[in-house]
Amino acid sequence: MTKSLPSHKVATLEDVARAANVSTATVSRCLNMPERVGEKTRARVMKAVSDLSYFPNFGAKIMAARRTHMIGAVIPTMENAIFAQGIQAFQEEVNRNGFTLLVASSSYQADIETEQIKNLISSGAEGLLLIGLDRDAETYQFIKNRGLPVVLTWVFDKQSPHHTIGFDNQRSMDSLAERVLSLGHRRIGAIITSTSTNDRSRARLQGIRSAMRRHAIPDAELTVLETPYSISNGAKFFEMLLKQDTPPTAVICGNDVLAVGALMKAKEMGLRVPEDVSITGFDDIQLAQVVEPSLTTVHVPHGQMGKRAAAALIGRITKSESLKSEELNTYICEGATLGPAKAQ
């Protein structure tokens, strides 16, 4: 029976070697190249590893190899499901390739995001996944000076000097707004997150405006309300829109979370959706499919986006391929919350 160590002591390679009555080189081979060690010796070593709760000192391996096999990601929030599917797919691809994912949240605050980026790099991240384009030049320069590959996702911009793997937010929202306007809607309300600090929100608003221009609808027919996204804020700002003297016949929300809040408030106000007012979302998260009526929304390829971003970063880190921007497709999911404009 292997003698256990005092509870306060962390087992070392030497402790395992001593317990198994082998050299430290043999222990190392068992852990890294087990096929090169005899079955009986390997069994004895692995029993010692288990009995002593030994865990390899990856810090030493990192110093020797100058590699950490860690990738960092900073997402705007962990409170809602919008980023969950993409980050899950990203992590699965990262892990499949022998890397570890470190995740941080910025709470949609630029200064916090910059701090988290620096913390991840200090922790040894070999590459970074960031959301969207908006951040100051100093932050981008800091990353560049450290020689780290970075992929920006949830956005695609062929004009950007940075590598983006995602979708065109403006064109995606333009397509949805076009669908809304084709049903006769002319008075439009928009509930979106801050356009001054969120490039995705800004692009989506531009998509609504571009569709309205094609239909020669005056900008005055569009009422825009900006708010941090939550179901309660979606409800609050929907009520504000519908209590105007000339309320909109359609409310386009910048994401599904806001749209669900709007839908809940519509029911509370005794409004029929879409007979009295139409509501649309954006993202096609599971919530959009389970509410009643189901949301008309834009499907975002979250899983594909996460997987492709991870593969691109790993390819760059391992020098097996260069980073390239990639545009992914979105499409409209026809739910039951969008219908023809109510006759006035």
Protein backbone atom coordinates (compact mmCIF):
# COMPACT_ATOMS: atom_id res chain seq x y z
CA MET A 1 0.00 0.00 0.00
CA THR A 2 1.35 3.44 -0.97
CA LYS A 3 2.09 5.62 2.00
CA SER A 4 0.04 8.83 1.87
CA LEU A 5 1.58 12.25 2.32
CA PRO A 6 0.71 14.74 5.06
CA SER A 7 -2.50 16.56 4.11
CA HIS A 8 -0.70 19.87 3.69
CA LYS A 9 1.92 18.57 1.25
CA VAL A 10 1.38 18.48 -2.52
CA ALA A 11 2.87 15.36 -4.10
CA THR A 12 5.85 15.83 -6.43
CA LEU A 13 7.25 13.70 -9.23
CA GLU A 14 9.93 12.54 -6.81
CA ASP A 15 7.27 11.41 -4.30
CA VAL A 16 5.58 9.30 -6.97
CA ALA A 17 8.91 7.79 -8.05
CA ARG A 18 9.81 6.92 -4.47
CA ALA A 19 6.39 5.35 -3.78
CA ALA A 20 6.56 3.26 -6.97
CA ASN A 21 10.23 2.42 -6.47
CA VAL A 22 11.19 3.73 -9.93
CA SER A 23 13.15 6.66 -11.30
CA THR A 24 11.58 10.05 -11.99
CA ALA A 25 12.33 9.46 -15.67
CA THR A 26 10.15 6.33 -15.59
CA VAL A 27 7.30 8.26 -13.97
CA SER A 28 7.61 10.94 -16.65
CA ARG A 29 7.51 8.30 -19.40
CA CYS A 30 4.41 6.70 -17.83
CA LEU A 31 2.61 10.03 -17.92
CA ASN A 32 3.75 11.22 -21.34
CA MET A 33 4.62 8.05 -23.31
CA PRO A 34 2.92 5.13 -21.49
CA GLU A 35 3.42 2.77 -24.43
CA ARG A 36 7.16 2.86 -23.73
CA VAL A 37 6.79 1.46 -20.19
CA GLY A 38 6.14 -2.17 -19.23
CA GLU A 39 2.61 -2.99 -18.10
CA LYS A 40 3.51 -3.98 -14.51
CA THR A 41 5.73 -0.95 -13.97
CA ARG A 42 3.10 1.32 -15.51
CA ALA A 43 0.41 -0.09 -13.24
CA ARG A 44 2.60 0.44 -10.16
CA VAL A 45 3.37 4.04 -11.15
CA MET A 46 -0.22 4.92 -11.94
CA LYS A 47 -1.35 3.46 -8.60
CA ALA A 48 1.15 5.74 -6.87
CA VAL A 49 -0.12 8.68 -8.92
CA SER A 50 -3.68 7.89 -7.81
CA ASP A 51 -2.84 7.22 -4.15
CA LEU A 52 -0.86 10.45 -3.83
CA SER A 53 -3.34 12.54 -5.86
CA TYR A 54 -0.41 13.64 -7.98
CA PHE A 55 -1.05 16.22 -10.67
CA PRO A 56 1.69 17.20 -13.15
CA ASN A 57 3.37 20.55 -12.63
CA PHE A 58 2.22 22.23 -15.80
CA GLY A 59 3.99 25.41 -14.76
CA ALA A 60 7.33 23.68 -15.16
CA LYS A 61 6.30 22.17 -18.48
CA ILE A 62 5.19 25.58 -19.69
CA MET A 63 8.55 27.13 -18.79
CA ALA A 64 10.38 24.35 -20.58
CA ALA A 65 8.25 24.37 -23.71
CA ARG A 66 7.28 28.06 -23.69
CA ARG A 67 3.75 26.88 -24.40
CA THR A 68 0.65 26.99 -22.21
CA HIS A 69 -1.97 25.45 -24.50
CA MET A 70 -4.42 28.00 -23.13
CA ILE A 71 -6.74 30.25 -25.11
CA GLY A 72 -8.58 33.21 -23.60
CA ALA A 73 -12.04 34.55 -24.39
CA VAL A 74 -13.73 37.70 -23.15
CA ILE A 75 -17.49 37.84 -23.58
CA PRO A 76 -19.76 40.78 -22.72
CA THR A 77 -21.90 38.89 -20.19
CA MET A 78 -22.52 35.51 -18.63
CA GLU A 79 -26.01 36.46 -17.44
CA ASN A 80 -27.93 35.58 -20.58
CA ALA A 81 -27.89 32.82 -23.18
CA ILE A 82 -26.96 34.83 -26.28
CA PHE A 83 -23.28 33.86 -26.14
CA ALA A 84 -23.66 30.45 -24.48
CA GLN A 85 -24.02 28.23 -27.55
CA GLY A 86 -21.14 29.86 -29.41
CA ILE A 87 -18.79 29.69 -26.44
CA GLN A 88 -19.76 26.06 -25.79
CA ALA A 89 -18.87 25.12 -29.39
CA PHE A 90 -15.66 27.17 -29.08
CA GLN A 91 -14.67 25.33 -25.90
CA GLU A 92 -15.41 21.89 -27.36
CA GLU A 93 -13.16 22.58 -30.34
CA VAL A 94 -10.46 24.05 -28.10
CA ASN A 95 -10.52 21.02 -25.79
CA ARG A 96 -10.59 18.57 -28.71
CA ASN A 97 -7.27 20.04 -29.84
CA GLY A 98 -5.62 19.78 -26.43
CA PHE A 99 -6.08 23.38 -25.35
CA THR A 100 -7.73 24.84 -22.25
CA LEU A 101 -10.18 27.73 -22.40
CA LEU A 102 -10.07 30.64 -19.96
CA VAL A 103 -13.24 32.76 -20.03
CA ALA A 104 -13.81 36.23 -18.60
CA SER A 105 -16.74 38.65 -18.74
CA SER A 106 -16.56 42.39 -19.36
CA SER A 107 -20.11 43.36 -18.29
CA TYR A 108 -20.19 45.44 -21.49
CA GLN A 109 -17.58 47.77 -19.94
CA ALA A 110 -14.60 48.69 -22.16
CA ASP A 111 -12.22 49.28 -19.24
CA ILE A 112 -13.10 45.93 -17.69
CA GLU A 113 -12.62 44.18 -21.04
CA THR A 114 -9.13 45.71 -21.39
CA GLU A 115 -8.25 44.59 -17.87
CA GLN A 116 -9.52 41.07 -18.57
CA ILE A 117 -7.53 40.89 -21.81
CA LYS A 118 -4.34 41.82 -19.92
CA ASN A 119 -5.14 39.29 -17.18
CA LEU A 120 -5.65 36.50 -19.71
CA ILE A 121 -2.41 37.33 -21.49
CA SER A 122 -0.58 37.44 -18.14
CA SER A 123 -2.04 34.01 -17.34
CA GLY A 124 -0.42 32.64 -20.49
CA ALA A 125 -3.17 32.74 -23.11
CA GLU A 126 -1.67 31.98 -26.53
CA GLY A 127 -4.62 33.43 -28.44
CA LEU A 128 -7.75 35.46 -27.79
CA LEU A 129 -11.41 35.36 -28.78
CA LEU A 130 -13.14 38.74 -28.47
CA ILE A 131 -16.68 39.81 -29.29
CA GLY A 132 -17.26 42.60 -31.79
CA LEU A 133 -15.02 45.38 -33.08
CA ASP A 134 -15.41 48.22 -30.58
CA ARG A 135 -12.33 48.75 -28.40
CA ASP A 136 -9.70 51.46 -28.28
CA ALA A 137 -6.53 51.52 -30.37
CA GLU A 138 -4.34 51.12 -27.27
CA THR A 139 -5.93 47.76 -26.46
CA TYR A 140 -5.43 46.49 -29.99
CA GLN A 141 -1.84 47.73 -29.91
CA PHE A 142 -1.20 45.98 -26.59
CA ILE A 143 -2.36 42.68 -28.09
CA LYS A 144 -0.28 43.25 -31.22
CA ASN A 145 2.83 44.07 -29.18
CA ARG A 146 2.47 40.74 -27.40
CA GLY A 147 2.30 38.93 -30.74
CA LEU A 148 -0.94 37.16 -29.93
CA PRO A 149 -3.39 36.02 -32.61
CA VAL A 150 -6.90 37.34 -31.99
CA VAL A 151 -10.22 36.50 -33.63
CA LEU A 152 -13.19 38.85 -33.39
CA THR A 153 -16.53 37.14 -33.65
CA TRP A 154 -20.27 37.85 -33.65
CA VAL A 155 -19.27 40.22 -36.44
CA PHE A 156 -17.91 40.12 -39.97
CA ASP A 157 -16.31 43.17 -41.53
CA LYS A 158 -14.19 42.72 -44.64
CA GLN A 159 -12.89 46.28 -44.23
CA SER A 160 -11.54 45.64 -40.74
CA PRO A 161 -7.77 45.24 -40.28
CA HIS A 162 -8.58 42.55 -37.73
CA HIS A 163 -9.62 38.96 -38.34
CA THR A 164 -13.38 38.51 -38.04
CA ILE A 165 -15.29 35.24 -38.11
CA GLY A 166 -18.99 35.87 -37.89
CA PHE A 167 -21.88 37.50 -39.73
CA ASP A 168 -22.82 40.87 -41.17
CA ASN A 169 -25.06 42.42 -38.52
CA GLN A 170 -26.28 45.24 -40.76
CA ARG A 171 -27.21 43.02 -43.68
CA SER A 172 -28.88 40.48 -41.38
CA MET A 173 -31.08 43.10 -39.75
CA ASP A 174 -31.72 44.76 -43.11
CA SER A 175 -33.21 41.46 -44.33
CA LEU A 176 -35.48 41.21 -41.31
CA ALA A 177 -36.57 44.85 -41.57
CA GLU A 178 -37.29 44.32 -45.26
CA ARG A 179 -39.59 41.44 -44.31
CA VAL A 180 -41.37 43.66 -41.76
CA LEU A 181 -41.84 46.51 -44.24
CA SER A 182 -43.04 44.16 -46.98
CA LEU A 183 -46.04 43.42 -44.75
CA GLY A 184 -47.13 47.05 -44.83
CA HIS A 185 -45.60 48.33 -41.61
CA ARG A 186 -44.59 51.98 -41.77
CA ARG A 187 -44.41 53.09 -38.12
CA ILE A 188 -41.55 51.16 -36.58
CA GLY A 189 -40.27 50.97 -33.02
CA ALA A 190 -36.79 49.66 -32.23
CA ILE A 191 -35.57 48.47 -28.82
CA ILE A 192 -31.82 47.93 -28.94
CA THR A 193 -28.75 48.01 -26.75
CA SER A 194 -26.40 51.01 -26.69
CA THR A 195 -25.20 52.02 -30.15
CA SER A 196 -22.36 54.15 -28.78
CA THR A 197 -20.54 51.22 -27.15
CA ASN A 198 -21.78 48.20 -29.13
CA ASP A 199 -20.88 47.90 -32.81
CA ARG A 200 -23.31 44.99 -33.33
CA SER A 201 -26.21 47.08 -32.06
CA ARG A 202 -25.10 50.05 -34.16
CA ALA A 203 -24.94 47.92 -37.31
CA ARG A 204 -28.36 46.41 -36.66
CA LEU A 205 -29.89 49.87 -36.32
CA GLN A 206 -28.22 50.83 -39.60
CA GLY A 207 -29.86 47.77 -41.14
CA ILE A 208 -33.32 48.98 -40.09
CA ARG A 209 -32.63 52.46 -41.44
CA SER A 210 -31.30 51.19 -44.77
CA ALA A 211 -34.43 49.08 -45.34
CA MET A 212 -36.64 52.07 -44.51
CA ARG A 213 -34.76 54.25 -46.98
CA ARG A 214 -35.41 51.73 -49.76
CA HIS A 215 -39.11 51.99 -49.01
CA ALA A 216 -38.94 55.81 -48.87
CA ILE A 217 -40.16 55.80 -45.25
CA PRO A 218 -39.16 58.99 -43.40
CA ASP A 219 -36.77 58.59 -40.49
CA ALA A 220 -39.39 60.25 -38.28
CA GLU A 221 -41.45 57.05 -38.54
CA LEU A 222 -38.76 55.19 -36.60
CA THR A 223 -38.63 55.50 -32.80
CA VAL A 224 -35.43 54.10 -31.28
CA LEU A 225 -35.07 53.30 -27.58
CA GLU A 226 -31.72 52.09 -26.22
CA THR A 227 -31.40 50.00 -23.09
CA PRO A 228 -29.22 47.33 -21.48
CA TYR A 229 -30.72 44.05 -22.55
CA SER A 230 -32.93 42.10 -20.19
CA ILE A 231 -36.46 40.74 -20.33
CA SER A 232 -37.66 43.42 -17.90
CA ASN A 233 -36.15 46.21 -20.00
CA GLY A 234 -37.74 44.77 -23.12
CA ALA A 235 -41.11 44.92 -21.37
CA LYS A 236 -40.56 48.43 -19.99
CA PHE A 237 -39.52 49.99 -23.28
CA PHE A 238 -42.19 48.18 -25.28
CA GLU A 239 -44.81 49.77 -23.04
CA MET A 240 -43.23 53.19 -23.61
CA LEU A 241 -43.44 52.69 -27.38
CA LEU A 242 -47.05 51.52 -27.36
CA LYS A 243 -48.21 54.38 -25.13
CA GLN A 244 -47.12 57.01 -27.67
CA ASP A 245 -49.82 59.04 -29.39
CA THR A 246 -49.04 57.22 -32.63
CA PRO A 247 -47.62 53.86 -31.56
CA PRO A 248 -45.68 51.64 -33.95
CA THR A 249 -47.35 48.74 -35.69
CA ALA A 250 -44.13 46.71 -35.47
CA VAL A 251 -41.42 46.61 -32.81
CA ILE A 252 -38.03 45.35 -33.97
CA CYS A 253 -35.85 44.24 -31.06
CA GLY A 254 -32.07 44.01 -31.21
CA ASN A 255 -32.08 40.55 -29.64
CA ASP A 256 -34.44 37.82 -28.51
CA VAL A 257 -34.17 38.66 -24.82
CA LEU A 258 -35.60 42.14 -25.38
CA ALA A 259 -38.21 40.69 -27.76
CA VAL A 260 -39.45 38.19 -25.17
CA GLY A 261 -39.86 41.02 -22.67
CA ALA A 262 -41.83 42.98 -25.28
CA LEU A 263 -44.03 39.97 -26.00
CA MET A 264 -44.78 39.44 -22.31
CA LYS A 265 -45.74 43.09 -21.87
CA ALA A 266 -47.94 42.99 -24.98
CA LYS A 267 -49.95 40.16 -23.44
CA GLU A 268 -50.15 42.02 -20.13
CA MET A 269 -51.49 45.09 -21.97
CA GLY A 270 -54.16 42.99 -23.67
CA LEU A 271 -52.61 43.38 -27.13
CA ARG A 272 -52.79 40.59 -29.69
CA VAL A 273 -49.54 39.63 -31.38
CA PRO A 274 -49.29 39.97 -34.35
CA GLU A 275 -52.85 41.23 -35.00
CA ASP A 276 -52.43 44.46 -32.99
CA VAL A 277 -48.65 44.77 -33.08
CA SER A 278 -45.82 42.70 -34.54
CA ILE A 279 -42.64 41.92 -32.59
CA THR A 280 -39.35 40.54 -33.91
CA GLY A 281 -36.14 39.41 -32.25
CA PHE A 282 -32.60 38.59 -33.30
CA ASP A 283 -30.32 35.60 -32.43
CA ASP A 284 -32.70 32.61 -32.47
CA ILE A 285 -31.82 31.38 -28.99
CA GLN A 286 -33.94 28.61 -27.46
CA LEU A 287 -36.07 31.17 -25.65
CA ALA A 288 -37.39 32.39 -29.02
CA GLN A 289 -38.76 28.95 -29.79
CA VAL A 290 -40.51 28.21 -26.50
CA VAL A 291 -42.47 31.45 -26.01
CA GLU A 292 -46.04 31.65 -27.28
CA PRO A 293 -46.41 32.78 -29.97
CA SER A 294 -42.95 31.81 -31.23
CA LEU A 295 -40.72 34.71 -32.21
CA THR A 296 -39.92 35.74 -35.73
CA THR A 297 -36.18 36.28 -35.43
CA VAL A 298 -32.82 36.06 -37.20
CA HIS A 299 -30.96 32.79 -36.87
CA VAL A 300 -27.33 33.35 -35.90
CA PRO A 301 -24.97 30.36 -36.50
CA HIS A 302 -23.66 30.39 -32.93
CA GLY A 303 -22.24 26.87 -32.92
CA GLN A 304 -20.58 27.12 -36.33
CA MET A 305 -19.16 30.52 -35.39
CA GLY A 306 -17.61 29.21 -32.17
CA LYS A 307 -16.16 26.12 -33.84
CA ARG A 308 -14.67 28.05 -36.77
CA ALA A 309 -13.18 30.72 -34.50
CA ALA A 310 -11.51 28.06 -32.34
CA ALA A 311 -10.14 26.17 -35.34
CA ALA A 312 -8.76 29.39 -36.83
CA LEU A 313 -7.01 30.42 -33.60
CA ILE A 314 -5.53 26.97 -33.04
CA GLY A 315 -4.35 26.84 -36.64
CA ARG A 316 -2.54 30.13 -36.17
CA ILE A 317 -1.07 29.18 -32.77
CA THR A 318 0.25 25.87 -34.10
CA LYS A 319 1.36 27.54 -37.33
CA SER A 320 -0.61 25.02 -39.40
CA GLU A 321 -2.61 27.77 -41.12
CA SER A 322 -2.83 31.54 -41.27
CA LEU A 323 -5.72 33.54 -39.88
CA LYS A 324 -8.40 34.48 -42.38
CA SER A 325 -11.66 36.34 -41.96
CA GLU A 326 -14.77 34.32 -42.70
CA GLU A 327 -18.38 35.35 -43.20
CA LEU A 328 -21.13 33.02 -42.03
CA ASN A 329 -24.74 33.17 -43.15
CA THR A 330 -27.82 34.12 -41.14
CA TYR A 331 -31.45 33.65 -42.12
CA ILE A 332 -34.91 34.69 -40.96
CA CYS A 333 -36.80 32.24 -38.75
CA GLU A 334 -40.48 32.77 -39.45
CA GLY A 335 -42.25 32.58 -36.12
CA ALA A 336 -45.78 33.71 -35.30
CA THR A 337 -45.11 37.24 -33.96
CA LEU A 338 -44.90 38.98 -37.34
CA GLY A 339 -47.96 39.67 -39.46
CA PRO A 340 -49.45 42.31 -41.76
CA ALA A 341 -49.74 45.86 -40.45
CA LYS A 342 -53.01 46.60 -38.70
CA ALA A 343 -55.32 48.76 -40.77
CA GLN A 344 -55.42 52.34 -39.46
